[in-house]
Amino acid sequence: MSNFPTLSGKKIIKILEKFDFEIIRTKGSHHFLRHSDGRATTVPVHSNESIGIGLLLQILKDCDIEKKDFLKMM
């Protein structure tokens, strides 16, 4: 089992903003974030739903952020 807590899309976006990612646009419930160096990802924001561990790991991979660094910023 993973040591990641369950997080909502809004919370993940708040943490990514600490890594200097900015929301560049939204389409429906999907928020597109980009860093000034070109890294980008998409985070779904659905009310009362948490992001699954698989999707969270993919978001971290897209952003080139280590799990331990992400957990520190929480």
PDB file of N, CA and C in Angstrom:
ATOM      1  N   MET A   1       0.836  -1.182   0.000  1.00  0.00           N
ATOM      2  CA  MET A   1       0.000   0.000   0.000  1.00  0.00           C
ATOM      3  C   MET A   1       0.877   1.241   0.000  1.00  0.00           C
ATOM      4  N   SER A   2       0.436   2.244  -0.631  1.00  0.00           N
ATOM      5  CA  SER A   2       1.203   3.472  -0.757  1.00  0.00           C
ATOM      6  C   SER A   2       1.024   4.352   0.480  1.00  0.00           C
ATOM      7  N   ASN A   3       2.003   5.221   0.694  1.00  0.00           N
ATOM      8  CA  ASN A   3       1.906   6.136   1.821  1.00  0.00           C
ATOM      9  C   ASN A   3       1.338   7.485   1.395  1.00  0.00           C
ATOM     10  N   PHE A   4       0.759   7.566   0.211  1.00  0.00           N
ATOM     11  CA  PHE A   4       0.118   8.794  -0.252  1.00  0.00           C
ATOM     12  C   PHE A   4      -1.273   8.915   0.360  1.00  0.00           C
ATOM     13  N   PRO A   5      -1.605  10.096   0.865  1.00  0.00           N
ATOM     14  CA  PRO A   5      -2.978  10.297   1.329  1.00  0.00           C
ATOM     15  C   PRO A   5      -3.901  10.498   0.135  1.00  0.00           C
ATOM     16  N   THR A   6      -5.184  10.386   0.353  1.00  0.00           N
ATOM     17  CA  THR A   6      -6.125  10.665  -0.731  1.00  0.00           C
ATOM     18  C   THR A   6      -6.274  12.179  -0.844  1.00  0.00           C
ATOM     19  N   LEU A   7      -6.153  12.680  -2.053  1.00  0.00           N
ATOM     20  CA  LEU A   7      -6.187  14.117  -2.310  1.00  0.00           C
ATOM     21  C   LEU A   7      -7.212  14.435  -3.379  1.00  0.00           C
ATOM     22  N   SER A   8      -7.815  15.591  -3.245  1.00  0.00           N
ATOM     23  CA  SER A   8      -8.731  16.063  -4.284  1.00  0.00           C
ATOM     24  C   SER A   8      -7.923  16.764  -5.371  1.00  0.00           C
ATOM     25  N   GLY A   9      -8.549  16.989  -6.497  1.00  0.00           N
ATOM     26  CA  GLY A   9      -7.893  17.708  -7.582  1.00  0.00           C
ATOM     27  C   GLY A   9      -7.497  19.116  -7.169  1.00  0.00           C
ATOM     28  N   LYS A  10      -8.351  19.791  -6.401  1.00  0.00           N
ATOM     29  CA  LYS A  10      -8.043  21.155  -5.944  1.00  0.00           C
ATOM     30  C   LYS A  10      -6.794  21.177  -5.078  1.00  0.00           C
ATOM     31  N   LYS A  11      -6.659  20.189  -4.188  1.00  0.00           N
ATOM     32  CA  LYS A  11      -5.493  20.125  -3.304  1.00  0.00           C
ATOM     33  C   LYS A  11      -4.224  19.857  -4.103  1.00  0.00           C
ATOM     34  N   ILE A  12      -4.298  18.993  -5.102  1.00  0.00           N
ATOM     35  CA  ILE A  12      -3.134  18.703  -5.938  1.00  0.00           C
ATOM     36  C   ILE A  12      -2.703  19.954  -6.683  1.00  0.00           C
ATOM     37  N   ILE A  13      -3.657  20.713  -7.187  1.00  0.00           N
ATOM     38  CA  ILE A  13      -3.331  21.958  -7.891  1.00  0.00           C
ATOM     39  C   ILE A  13      -2.641  22.934  -6.946  1.00  0.00           C
ATOM     40  N   LYS A  14      -3.135  23.054  -5.714  1.00  0.00           N
ATOM     41  CA  LYS A  14      -2.509  23.951  -4.729  1.00  0.00           C
ATOM     42  C   LYS A  14      -1.052  23.559  -4.479  1.00  0.00           C
ATOM     43  N   ILE A  15      -0.792  22.260  -4.385  1.00  0.00           N
ATOM     44  CA  ILE A  15       0.579  21.790  -4.151  1.00  0.00           C
ATOM     45  C   ILE A  15       1.442  22.054  -5.385  1.00  0.00           C
ATOM     46  N   LEU A  16       0.905  21.803  -6.584  1.00  0.00           N
ATOM     47  CA  LEU A  16       1.677  22.051  -7.804  1.00  0.00           C
ATOM     48  C   LEU A  16       1.984  23.537  -7.972  1.00  0.00           C
ATOM     49  N   GLU A  17       1.095  24.401  -7.505  1.00  0.00           N
ATOM     50  CA  GLU A  17       1.362  25.837  -7.574  1.00  0.00           C
ATOM     51  C   GLU A  17       2.560  26.217  -6.707  1.00  0.00           C
ATOM     52  N   LYS A  18       2.822  25.460  -5.646  1.00  0.00           N
ATOM     53  CA  LYS A  18       4.020  25.684  -4.825  1.00  0.00           C
ATOM     54  C   LYS A  18       5.283  25.346  -5.606  1.00  0.00           C
ATOM     55  N   PHE A  19       5.157  24.475  -6.612  1.00  0.00           N
ATOM     56  CA  PHE A  19       6.270  24.134  -7.494  1.00  0.00           C
ATOM     57  C   PHE A  19       6.325  25.060  -8.713  1.00  0.00           C
ATOM     58  N   ASP A  20       5.604  26.165  -8.667  1.00  0.00           N
ATOM     59  CA  ASP A  20       5.566  27.191  -9.724  1.00  0.00           C
ATOM     60  C   ASP A  20       4.832  26.763 -10.986  1.00  0.00           C
ATOM     61  N   PHE A  21       3.883  25.852 -10.866  1.00  0.00           N
ATOM     62  CA  PHE A  21       3.007  25.530 -11.986  1.00  0.00           C
ATOM     63  C   PHE A  21       1.848  26.517 -11.967  1.00  0.00           C
ATOM     64  N   GLU A  22       1.370  26.876 -13.151  1.00  0.00           N
ATOM     65  CA  GLU A  22       0.248  27.799 -13.266  1.00  0.00           C
ATOM     66  C   GLU A  22      -0.851  27.172 -14.102  1.00  0.00           C
ATOM     67  N   ILE A  23      -2.088  27.465 -13.746  1.00  0.00           N
ATOM     68  CA  ILE A  23      -3.219  27.006 -14.548  1.00  0.00           C
ATOM     69  C   ILE A  23      -3.240  27.878 -15.806  1.00  0.00           C
ATOM     70  N   ILE A  24      -3.122  27.221 -16.965  1.00  0.00           N
ATOM     71  CA  ILE A  24      -3.130  27.985 -18.214  1.00  0.00           C
ATOM     72  C   ILE A  24      -4.505  27.998 -18.861  1.00  0.00           C
ATOM     73  N   ARG A  25      -5.301  26.955 -18.586  1.00  0.00           N
ATOM     74  CA  ARG A  25      -6.665  26.942 -19.117  1.00  0.00           C
ATOM     75  C   ARG A  25      -7.432  25.814 -18.462  1.00  0.00           C
ATOM     76  N   THR A  26      -8.730  25.863 -18.602  1.00  0.00           N
ATOM     77  CA  THR A  26      -9.586  24.780 -18.136  1.00  0.00           C
ATOM     78  C   THR A  26     -10.535  24.392 -19.257  1.00  0.00           C
ATOM     79  N   LYS A  27     -10.854  23.128 -19.281  1.00  0.00           N
ATOM     80  CA  LYS A  27     -11.845  22.639 -20.239  1.00  0.00           C
ATOM     81  C   LYS A  27     -12.735  21.679 -19.470  1.00  0.00           C
ATOM     82  N   GLY A  28     -13.929  22.136 -19.188  1.00  0.00           N
ATOM     83  CA  GLY A  28     -14.815  21.344 -18.345  1.00  0.00           C
ATOM     84  C   GLY A  28     -14.255  21.287 -16.942  1.00  0.00           C
ATOM     85  N   SER A  29     -14.032  20.081 -16.450  1.00  0.00           N
ATOM     86  CA  SER A  29     -13.498  19.928 -15.101  1.00  0.00           C
ATOM     87  C   SER A  29     -11.990  19.656 -15.100  1.00  0.00           C
ATOM     88  N   HIS A  30     -11.346  19.754 -16.255  1.00  0.00           N
ATOM     89  CA  HIS A  30      -9.915  19.481 -16.353  1.00  0.00           C
ATOM     90  C   HIS A  30      -9.131  20.792 -16.387  1.00  0.00           C
ATOM     91  N   HIS A  31      -8.158  20.888 -15.476  1.00  0.00           N
ATOM     92  CA  HIS A  31      -7.312  22.065 -15.385  1.00  0.00           C
ATOM     93  C   HIS A  31      -5.944  21.721 -15.985  1.00  0.00           C
ATOM     94  N   PHE A  32      -5.489  22.538 -16.908  1.00  0.00           N
ATOM     95  CA  PHE A  32      -4.209  22.338 -17.569  1.00  0.00           C
ATOM     96  C   PHE A  32      -3.182  23.250 -16.909  1.00  0.00           C
ATOM     97  N   LEU A  33      -2.117  22.644 -16.393  1.00  0.00           N
ATOM     98  CA  LEU A  33      -1.086  23.403 -15.700  1.00  0.00           C
ATOM     99  C   LEU A  33       0.222  23.322 -16.469  1.00  0.00           C
ATOM    100  N   ARG A  34       0.984  24.416 -16.428  1.00  0.00           N
ATOM    101  CA  ARG A  34       2.268  24.446 -17.115  1.00  0.00           C
ATOM    102  C   ARG A  34       3.281  25.179 -16.242  1.00  0.00           C
ATOM    103  N   HIS A  35       4.511  24.718 -16.321  1.00  0.00           N
ATOM    104  CA  HIS A  35       5.640  25.354 -15.639  1.00  0.00           C
ATOM    105  C   HIS A  35       6.368  26.202 -16.675  1.00  0.00           C
ATOM    106  N   SER A  36       7.108  27.190 -16.224  1.00  0.00           N
ATOM    107  CA  SER A  36       7.812  28.080 -17.160  1.00  0.00           C
ATOM    108  C   SER A  36       8.866  27.346 -17.983  1.00  0.00           C
ATOM    109  N   ASP A  37       9.345  26.188 -17.521  1.00  0.00           N
ATOM    110  CA  ASP A  37      10.340  25.436 -18.289  1.00  0.00           C
ATOM    111  C   ASP A  37       9.715  24.459 -19.288  1.00  0.00           C
ATOM    112  N   GLY A  38       8.388  24.433 -19.377  1.00  0.00           N
ATOM    113  CA  GLY A  38       7.719  23.621 -20.390  1.00  0.00           C
ATOM    114  C   GLY A  38       7.019  22.380 -19.874  1.00  0.00           C
ATOM    115  N   ARG A  39       7.287  21.966 -18.648  1.00  0.00           N
ATOM    116  CA  ARG A  39       6.587  20.796 -18.098  1.00  0.00           C
ATOM    117  C   ARG A  39       5.105  21.115 -17.982  1.00  0.00           C
ATOM    118  N   ALA A  40       4.257  20.129 -18.256  1.00  0.00           N
ATOM    119  CA  ALA A  40       2.814  20.363 -18.228  1.00  0.00           C
ATOM    120  C   ALA A  40       2.087  19.098 -17.797  1.00  0.00           C
ATOM    121  N   THR A  41       0.895  19.298 -17.261  1.00  0.00           N
ATOM    122  CA  THR A  41       0.047  18.180 -16.865  1.00  0.00           C
ATOM    123  C   THR A  41      -1.403  18.640 -16.825  1.00  0.00           C
ATOM    124  N   THR A  42      -2.287  17.682 -16.684  1.00  0.00           N
ATOM    125  CA  THR A  42      -3.717  17.940 -16.570  1.00  0.00           C
ATOM    126  C   THR A  42      -4.221  17.324 -15.275  1.00  0.00           C
ATOM    127  N   VAL A  43      -5.014  18.089 -14.526  1.00  0.00           N
ATOM    128  CA  VAL A  43      -5.568  17.603 -13.263  1.00  0.00           C
ATOM    129  C   VAL A  43      -7.087  17.718 -13.331  1.00  0.00           C
ATOM    130  N   PRO A  44      -7.806  16.596 -13.180  1.00  0.00           N
ATOM    131  CA  PRO A  44      -9.265  16.672 -13.137  1.00  0.00           C
ATOM    132  C   PRO A  44      -9.734  17.156 -11.766  1.00  0.00           C
ATOM    133  N   VAL A  45     -10.697  18.042 -11.759  1.00  0.00           N
ATOM    134  CA  VAL A  45     -11.255  18.561 -10.500  1.00  0.00           C
ATOM    135  C   VAL A  45     -12.743  18.244 -10.496  1.00  0.00           C
ATOM    136  N   HIS A  46     -13.090  17.182  -9.792  1.00  0.00           N
ATOM    137  CA  HIS A  46     -14.484  16.778  -9.656  1.00  0.00           C
ATOM    138  C   HIS A  46     -14.872  16.941  -8.190  1.00  0.00           C
ATOM    139  N   SER A  47     -16.045  17.468  -7.948  1.00  0.00           N
ATOM    140  CA  SER A  47     -16.462  17.684  -6.567  1.00  0.00           C
ATOM    141  C   SER A  47     -16.618  16.354  -5.840  1.00  0.00           C
ATOM    142  N   ASN A  48     -16.147  16.337  -4.608  1.00  0.00           N
ATOM    143  CA  ASN A  48     -16.271  15.179  -3.716  1.00  0.00           C
ATOM    144  C   ASN A  48     -15.602  13.915  -4.232  1.00  0.00           C
ATOM    145  N   GLU A  49     -14.632  14.039  -5.114  1.00  0.00           N
ATOM    146  CA  GLU A  49     -13.903  12.865  -5.591  1.00  0.00           C
ATOM    147  C   GLU A  49     -12.422  13.071  -5.368  1.00  0.00           C
ATOM    148  N   SER A  50     -11.757  12.008  -4.950  1.00  0.00           N
ATOM    149  CA  SER A  50     -10.313  12.086  -4.773  1.00  0.00           C
ATOM    150  C   SER A  50      -9.631  11.490  -6.006  1.00  0.00           C
ATOM    151  N   ILE A  51      -8.395  11.889  -6.195  1.00  0.00           N
ATOM    152  CA  ILE A  51      -7.592  11.404  -7.325  1.00  0.00           C
ATOM    153  C   ILE A  51      -6.985  10.061  -6.923  1.00  0.00           C
ATOM    154  N   GLY A  52      -7.076   9.095  -7.801  1.00  0.00           N
ATOM    155  CA  GLY A  52      -6.510   7.776  -7.541  1.00  0.00           C
ATOM    156  C   GLY A  52      -4.993   7.810  -7.553  1.00  0.00           C
ATOM    157  N   ILE A  53      -4.383   6.816  -6.925  1.00  0.00           N
ATOM    158  CA  ILE A  53      -2.931   6.762  -6.811  1.00  0.00           C
ATOM    159  C   ILE A  53      -2.257   6.664  -8.179  1.00  0.00           C
ATOM    160  N   GLY A  54      -2.857   5.914  -9.104  1.00  0.00           N
ATOM    161  CA  GLY A  54      -2.272   5.773 -10.434  1.00  0.00           C
ATOM    162  C   GLY A  54      -2.232   7.097 -11.179  1.00  0.00           C
ATOM    163  N   LEU A  55      -3.311   7.836 -11.129  1.00  0.00           N
ATOM    164  CA  LEU A  55      -3.362   9.136 -11.793  1.00  0.00           C
ATOM    165  C   LEU A  55      -2.428  10.124 -11.115  1.00  0.00           C
ATOM    166  N   LEU A  56      -2.359  10.088  -9.782  1.00  0.00           N
ATOM    167  CA  LEU A  56      -1.457  10.985  -9.067  1.00  0.00           C
ATOM    168  C   LEU A  56      -0.004  10.718  -9.453  1.00  0.00           C
ATOM    169  N   LEU A  57       0.376   9.453  -9.551  1.00  0.00           N
ATOM    170  CA  LEU A  57       1.744   9.116  -9.957  1.00  0.00           C
ATOM    171  C   LEU A  57       2.023   9.569 -11.385  1.00  0.00           C
ATOM    172  N   GLN A  58       1.030   9.483 -12.269  1.00  0.00           N
ATOM    173  CA  GLN A  58       1.207   9.960 -13.642  1.00  0.00           C
ATOM    174  C   GLN A  58       1.375  11.479 -13.680  1.00  0.00           C
ATOM    175  N   ILE A  59       0.610  12.198 -12.855  1.00  0.00           N
ATOM    176  CA  ILE A  59       0.736  13.652 -12.776  1.00  0.00           C
ATOM    177  C   ILE A  59       2.148  14.019 -12.309  1.00  0.00           C
ATOM    178  N   LEU A  60       2.654  13.306 -11.289  1.00  0.00           N
ATOM    179  CA  LEU A  60       4.007  13.573 -10.797  1.00  0.00           C
ATOM    180  C   LEU A  60       5.055  13.270 -11.861  1.00  0.00           C
ATOM    181  N   LYS A  61       4.831  12.212 -12.630  1.00  0.00           N
ATOM    182  CA  LYS A  61       5.752  11.864 -13.709  1.00  0.00           C
ATOM    183  C   LYS A  61       5.742  12.951 -14.786  1.00  0.00           C
ATOM    184  N   ASP A  62       4.557  13.424 -15.157  1.00  0.00           N
ATOM    185  CA  ASP A  62       4.443  14.500 -16.144  1.00  0.00           C
ATOM    186  C   ASP A  62       5.166  15.759 -15.676  1.00  0.00           C
ATOM    187  N   CYS A  63       5.082  16.027 -14.383  1.00  0.00           N
ATOM    188  CA  CYS A  63       5.677  17.244 -13.814  1.00  0.00           C
ATOM    189  C   CYS A  63       7.142  17.061 -13.445  1.00  0.00           C
ATOM    190  N   ASP A  64       7.641  15.836 -13.534  1.00  0.00           N
ATOM    191  CA  ASP A  64       9.021  15.515 -13.166  1.00  0.00           C
ATOM    192  C   ASP A  64       9.287  15.907 -11.707  1.00  0.00           C
ATOM    193  N   ILE A  65       8.371  15.495 -10.830  1.00  0.00           N
ATOM    194  CA  ILE A  65       8.481  15.769  -9.400  1.00  0.00           C
ATOM    195  C   ILE A  65       8.604  14.428  -8.679  1.00  0.00           C
ATOM    196  N   GLU A  66       9.575  14.336  -7.782  1.00  0.00           N
ATOM    197  CA  GLU A  66       9.754  13.124  -6.983  1.00  0.00           C
ATOM    198  C   GLU A  66       8.652  13.016  -5.933  1.00  0.00           C
ATOM    199  N   LYS A  67       8.296  11.786  -5.580  1.00  0.00           N
ATOM    200  CA  LYS A  67       7.259  11.555  -4.580  1.00  0.00           C
ATOM    201  C   LYS A  67       7.614  12.214  -3.253  1.00  0.00           C
ATOM    202  N   LYS A  68       8.862  12.073  -2.834  1.00  0.00           N
ATOM    203  CA  LYS A  68       9.271  12.628  -1.540  1.00  0.00           C
ATOM    204  C   LYS A  68       9.192  14.147  -1.531  1.00  0.00           C
ATOM    205  N   ASP A  69       9.519  14.787  -2.669  1.00  0.00           N
ATOM    206  CA  ASP A  69       9.421  16.245  -2.758  1.00  0.00           C
ATOM    207  C   ASP A  69       7.964  16.696  -2.701  1.00  0.00           C
ATOM    208  N   PHE A  70       7.090  15.936  -3.351  1.00  0.00           N
ATOM    209  CA  PHE A  70       5.663  16.251  -3.330  1.00  0.00           C
ATOM    210  C   PHE A  70       5.109  16.150  -1.907  1.00  0.00           C
ATOM    211  N   LEU A  71       5.489  15.089  -1.198  1.00  0.00           N
ATOM    212  CA  LEU A  71       5.011  14.897   0.164  1.00  0.00           C
ATOM    213  C   LEU A  71       5.509  15.991   1.096  1.00  0.00           C
ATOM    214  N   LYS A  72       6.726  16.499   0.862  1.00  0.00           N
ATOM    215  CA  LYS A  72       7.259  17.589   1.682  1.00  0.00           C
ATOM    216  C   LYS A  72       6.438  18.867   1.531  1.00  0.00           C
ATOM    217  N   MET A  73       5.917  19.115   0.333  1.00  0.00           N
ATOM    218  CA  MET A  73       5.187  20.344   0.061  1.00  0.00           C
ATOM    219  C   MET A  73       3.753  20.315   0.574  1.00  0.00           C
ATOM    220  N   MET A  74       3.282  19.156   1.018  1.00  0.00           N
ATOM    221  CA  MET A  74       1.902  19.049   1.508  1.00  0.00           C
ATOM    222  C   MET A  74       1.724  19.775   2.817  1.00  0.00           C
TER     223      MET A  74
END
